[in-house]
C-alpha atoms as a PDB file:
ATOM      1  CA  MET A   1     207.109 196.015   9.537  1.00  0.00           C
ATOM      2  CA  VAL A   2     210.579 195.677   8.360  1.00  0.00           C
ATOM      3  CA  MET A   3     212.017 194.724  11.588  1.00  0.00           C
ATOM      4  CA  VAL A   4     209.479 192.037  11.759  1.00  0.00           C
ATOM      5  CA  LEU A   5     210.300 190.621   8.426  1.00  0.00           C
ATOM      6  CA  ALA A   6     214.024 190.754   9.188  1.00  0.00           C
ATOM      7  CA  ILE A   7     213.420 188.773  12.533  1.00  0.00           C
ATOM      8  CA  VAL A   8     211.048 186.244  10.997  1.00  0.00           C
ATOM      9  CA  GLY A   9     213.487 185.446   8.083  1.00  0.00           C
ATOM     10  CA  GLY A  10     216.515 185.311  10.723  1.00  0.00           C
ATOM     11  CA  ILE A  11     214.476 182.798  12.921  1.00  0.00           C
ATOM     12  CA  MET A  12     213.553 180.792   9.565  1.00  0.00           C
ATOM     13  CA  ALA A  13     217.124 180.629   8.292  1.00  0.00           C
ATOM     14  CA  LEU A  14     218.496 179.822  11.765  1.00  0.00           C
ATOM     15  CA  VAL A  15     216.078 176.904  12.371  1.00  0.00           C
ATOM     16  CA  GLY A  16     216.647 175.662   8.592  1.00  0.00           C
ATOM     17  CA  TRP A  17     220.514 175.962   9.008  1.00  0.00           C
ATOM     18  CA  VAL A  18     220.273 174.135  12.365  1.00  0.00           C
ATOM     19  CA  TRP A  19     218.114 171.402  10.844  1.00  0.00           C
ATOM     20  CA  VAL A  20     220.379 170.938   7.771  1.00  0.00           C
ATOM     21  CA  MET A  21     223.349 170.889   9.931  1.00  0.00           C
ATOM     22  CA  ILE A  22     222.023 168.115  12.001  1.00  0.00           C
ATOM     23  CA  ILE A  23     221.370 166.150   8.787  1.00  0.00           C
ATOM     24  CA  ALA A  24     224.630 166.811   7.342  1.00  0.00           C
ATOM     25  CA  PHE A  25     226.343 165.517  10.645  1.00  0.00           C
ATOM     26  CA  SER A  26     224.260 162.301  10.619  1.00  0.00           C
ATOM     27  CA  GLU A  27     225.531 162.096   6.820  1.00  0.00           C
ATOM     28  CA  SER A  28     229.381 162.663   7.587  1.00  0.00           C
ATOM     29  CA  VAL A  29     231.215 164.652   9.832  1.00  0.00           C
ATOM     30  CA  PRO A  30     233.123 166.644   7.045  1.00  0.00           C
ATOM     31  CA  TRP A  31     229.635 167.798   5.795  1.00  0.00           C
ATOM     32  CA  GLY A  32     228.648 169.094   9.172  1.00  0.00           C
ATOM     33  CA  VAL A  33     231.764 170.964   9.968  1.00  0.00           C
ATOM     34  CA  GLY A  34     231.575 172.469   6.485  1.00  0.00           C
ATOM     35  CA  ILE A  35     228.178 173.664   7.170  1.00  0.00           C
ATOM     36  CA  PHE A  36     228.977 174.996  10.616  1.00  0.00           C
ATOM     37  CA  CYS A  37     232.292 176.889   9.196  1.00  0.00           C
ATOM     38  CA  ILE A  38     230.671 178.085   5.965  1.00  0.00           C
ATOM     39  CA  SER A  39     226.907 178.512   6.476  1.00  0.00           C
ATOM     40  CA  PRO A  40     226.011 178.722   2.313  1.00  0.00           C
ATOM     41  CA  VAL A  41     227.600 175.033   2.090  1.00  0.00           C
ATOM     42  CA  ALA A  42     224.044 174.212   3.638  1.00  0.00           C
ATOM     43  CA  ILE A  43     222.489 174.889   0.456  1.00  0.00           C
ATOM     44  CA  VAL A  44     224.978 172.871  -1.346  1.00  0.00           C
ATOM     45  CA  PHE A  45     224.340 170.143   0.934  1.00  0.00           C
ATOM     46  CA  GLY A  46     220.577 170.548   0.564  1.00  0.00           C
ATOM     47  CA  VAL A  47     220.698 170.310  -3.310  1.00  0.00           C
ATOM     48  CA  LEU A  48     222.794 167.366  -3.165  1.00  0.00           C
ATOM     49  CA  HIS A  49     220.817 165.363  -0.549  1.00  0.00           C
ATOM     50  CA  TRP A  50     217.385 166.728  -1.695  1.00  0.00           C
ATOM     51  CA  ASP A  51     215.267 163.751  -0.560  1.00  0.00           C
ATOM     52  CA  ASP A  52     216.534 164.221   3.095  1.00  0.00           C
ATOM     53  CA  ALA A  53     216.907 167.683   3.400  1.00  0.00           C
ATOM     54  CA  LYS A  54     214.436 169.284   1.157  1.00  0.00           C
ATOM     55  CA  VAL A  55     212.290 170.957   3.977  1.00  0.00           C
ATOM     56  CA  PRO A  56     214.994 172.470   5.906  1.00  0.00           C
ATOM     57  CA  THR A  57     216.930 173.700   2.662  1.00  0.00           C
ATOM     58  CA  ILE A  58     213.555 175.547   1.694  1.00  0.00           C
ATOM     59  CA  LEU A  59     213.239 176.882   5.068  1.00  0.00           C
ATOM     60  CA  TYR A  60     216.734 178.250   5.101  1.00  0.00           C
ATOM     61  CA  SER A  61     216.673 179.657   1.769  1.00  0.00           C
ATOM     62  CA  ALA A  62     213.409 181.374   2.277  1.00  0.00           C
ATOM     63  CA  GLY A  63     214.628 182.843   5.711  1.00  0.00           C
ATOM     64  CA  LEU A  64     217.700 184.322   4.006  1.00  0.00           C
ATOM     65  CA  ILE A  65     215.819 185.755   1.091  1.00  0.00           C
ATOM     66  CA  LEU A  66     213.375 187.528   3.619  1.00  0.00           C
ATOM     67  CA  SER A  67     216.366 188.790   5.613  1.00  0.00           C
ATOM     68  CA  ILE A  68     217.851 190.081   2.565  1.00  0.00           C
ATOM     69  CA  ILE A  69     214.555 191.667   1.131  1.00  0.00           C
ATOM     70  CA  ALA A  70     214.169 193.366   4.822  1.00  0.00           C
ATOM     71  CA  ARG A  71     217.497 194.834   4.496  1.00  0.00           C
ATOM     72  CA  VAL A  72     216.939 196.088   1.132  1.00  0.00           C
ATOM     73  CA  ILE A  73     213.674 197.699   2.195  1.00  0.00           C
ATOM     74  CA  GLY A  74     215.028 199.005   5.313  1.00  0.00           C
END
């Protein structure tokens, strides 16, 4: 069960991160490169551009939380 939680969380985080990165690159290249190099920047970008990146930021954050919970439990 913990492994499933970790896999689902990882997939959610990956999809959310890529989605935020696509939005960030459409905003400006430095934002996109920043998210590509330092993935927590995706949360900062999502908060600053909440209207455009609400869903992918929530998806990314929820996936990270699920992955962390899975690691703590397992």
